[in-house]
Amino acid sequence: MVSQQHVLDPSRVAPGRAALWVQLQEVPSAPSSDAAGELDLSAGWGDERLVAGCVERMLGRTEAHAPGLCALVTR
């Protein structure tokens, strides 16, 4: 699910800013496979590279529906 809660409640962000809220349905506590075969799961979620890879994948898929999104994301 993707939403922008500040549209209905502007107090959720600083003036002139925006927030994108993304909720993934399920994320396993111990990842066992990557359907795309691109991510190294050997260290689990403790590996920042795995977390970053999942975030990049999610942003890329969302960008297909919201062109320009990745350029606006502050990390």
C-alpha atoms as a PDB file:
ATOM      1  CA  MET A   1       0.000   0.000   0.000  1.00  0.00           C
ATOM      2  CA  VAL A   2       1.281   3.463  -0.846  1.00  0.00           C
ATOM      3  CA  SER A   3      -0.218   6.649   0.544  1.00  0.00           C
ATOM      4  CA  GLN A   4       0.449  10.288   1.222  1.00  0.00           C
ATOM      5  CA  GLN A   5      -1.201  10.887   4.580  1.00  0.00           C
ATOM      6  CA  HIS A   6      -0.132  14.522   4.710  1.00  0.00           C
ATOM      7  CA  VAL A   7      -2.622  15.314   1.927  1.00  0.00           C
ATOM      8  CA  LEU A   8      -5.430  14.929   4.492  1.00  0.00           C
ATOM      9  CA  ASP A   9      -3.354  15.959   7.525  1.00  0.00           C
ATOM     10  CA  PRO A  10      -0.702  18.576   6.621  1.00  0.00           C
ATOM     11  CA  SER A  11       0.646  18.517  10.207  1.00  0.00           C
ATOM     12  CA  ARG A  12       2.404  15.224   9.357  1.00  0.00           C
ATOM     13  CA  VAL A  13       5.192  17.001   7.428  1.00  0.00           C
ATOM     14  CA  ALA A  14       7.155  20.251   7.602  1.00  0.00           C
ATOM     15  CA  PRO A  15       5.892  23.104   5.386  1.00  0.00           C
ATOM     16  CA  GLY A  16       6.987  22.636   1.785  1.00  0.00           C
ATOM     17  CA  ARG A  17       7.776  18.938   2.307  1.00  0.00           C
ATOM     18  CA  ALA A  18       5.957  15.707   1.471  1.00  0.00           C
ATOM     19  CA  ALA A  19       5.968  12.141   2.738  1.00  0.00           C
ATOM     20  CA  LEU A  20       5.351   8.870   0.959  1.00  0.00           C
ATOM     21  CA  TRP A  21       4.261   6.005   3.172  1.00  0.00           C
ATOM     22  CA  VAL A  22       4.815   2.469   1.859  1.00  0.00           C
ATOM     23  CA  GLN A  23       3.592  -0.609   3.669  1.00  0.00           C
ATOM     24  CA  LEU A  24       4.649  -4.033   2.440  1.00  0.00           C
ATOM     25  CA  GLN A  25       2.171  -6.823   3.057  1.00  0.00           C
ATOM     26  CA  GLU A  26       4.637  -9.290   4.520  1.00  0.00           C
ATOM     27  CA  VAL A  27       8.368  -9.325   5.036  1.00  0.00           C
ATOM     28  CA  PRO A  28       9.806 -12.561   6.453  1.00  0.00           C
ATOM     29  CA  SER A  29      11.869 -12.317   9.627  1.00  0.00           C
ATOM     30  CA  ALA A  30      14.515 -14.475   7.942  1.00  0.00           C
ATOM     31  CA  PRO A  31      14.552 -14.104   4.151  1.00  0.00           C
ATOM     32  CA  SER A  32      15.155 -17.423   2.421  1.00  0.00           C
ATOM     33  CA  SER A  33      15.037 -16.591  -1.277  1.00  0.00           C
ATOM     34  CA  ASP A  34      15.012 -13.761  -3.780  1.00  0.00           C
ATOM     35  CA  ALA A  35      12.734 -14.488  -6.742  1.00  0.00           C
ATOM     36  CA  ALA A  36      14.862 -12.218  -8.949  1.00  0.00           C
ATOM     37  CA  GLY A  37      18.090 -13.870  -7.799  1.00  0.00           C
ATOM     38  CA  GLU A  38      19.790 -10.497  -7.353  1.00  0.00           C
ATOM     39  CA  LEU A  39      20.136 -10.027  -3.590  1.00  0.00           C
ATOM     40  CA  ASP A  40      22.546 -11.737  -1.183  1.00  0.00           C
ATOM     41  CA  LEU A  41      20.426 -13.078   1.684  1.00  0.00           C
ATOM     42  CA  SER A  42      23.222 -14.863   3.571  1.00  0.00           C
ATOM     43  CA  ALA A  43      23.441 -12.300   6.408  1.00  0.00           C
ATOM     44  CA  GLY A  44      19.687 -11.656   6.660  1.00  0.00           C
ATOM     45  CA  TRP A  45      18.210  -8.276   7.484  1.00  0.00           C
ATOM     46  CA  GLY A  46      21.309  -7.337   9.504  1.00  0.00           C
ATOM     47  CA  ASP A  47      23.059  -6.646   6.199  1.00  0.00           C
ATOM     48  CA  GLU A  48      22.441  -3.039   5.153  1.00  0.00           C
ATOM     49  CA  ARG A  49      23.118  -4.025   1.527  1.00  0.00           C
ATOM     50  CA  LEU A  50      20.117  -6.361   1.596  1.00  0.00           C
ATOM     51  CA  VAL A  51      17.909  -3.664   3.119  1.00  0.00           C
ATOM     52  CA  ALA A  52      19.113  -1.096   0.578  1.00  0.00           C
ATOM     53  CA  GLY A  53      18.557  -3.542  -2.270  1.00  0.00           C
ATOM     54  CA  CYS A  54      14.975  -4.189  -1.178  1.00  0.00           C
ATOM     55  CA  VAL A  55      14.313  -0.451  -0.819  1.00  0.00           C
ATOM     56  CA  GLU A  56      15.752   0.234  -4.282  1.00  0.00           C
ATOM     57  CA  ARG A  57      13.628  -2.525  -5.790  1.00  0.00           C
ATOM     58  CA  MET A  58      10.456  -1.193  -4.140  1.00  0.00           C
ATOM     59  CA  LEU A  59      11.220   2.367  -5.252  1.00  0.00           C
ATOM     60  CA  GLY A  60      11.916   1.217  -8.797  1.00  0.00           C
ATOM     61  CA  ARG A  61       8.598  -0.588  -9.011  1.00  0.00           C
ATOM     62  CA  THR A  62       6.767   2.384  -7.530  1.00  0.00           C
ATOM     63  CA  GLU A  63       8.539   4.743  -9.947  1.00  0.00           C
ATOM     64  CA  ALA A  64       6.876   2.898 -12.826  1.00  0.00           C
ATOM     65  CA  HIS A  65       3.593   4.383 -11.560  1.00  0.00           C
ATOM     66  CA  ALA A  66       5.012   7.666 -10.236  1.00  0.00           C
ATOM     67  CA  PRO A  67       7.680   8.848 -12.701  1.00  0.00           C
ATOM     68  CA  GLY A  68      10.381  10.980 -11.077  1.00  0.00           C
ATOM     69  CA  LEU A  69       9.842   9.526  -7.588  1.00  0.00           C
ATOM     70  CA  CYS A  70      13.390   8.233  -7.098  1.00  0.00           C
ATOM     71  CA  ALA A  71      14.874  11.669  -7.777  1.00  0.00           C
ATOM     72  CA  LEU A  72      12.713  13.129  -4.990  1.00  0.00           C
ATOM     73  CA  VAL A  73      13.493  10.569  -2.290  1.00  0.00           C
ATOM     74  CA  THR A  74      15.778  11.729   0.497  1.00  0.00           C
ATOM     75  CA  ARG A  75      17.713   8.911   2.152  1.00  0.00           C
END
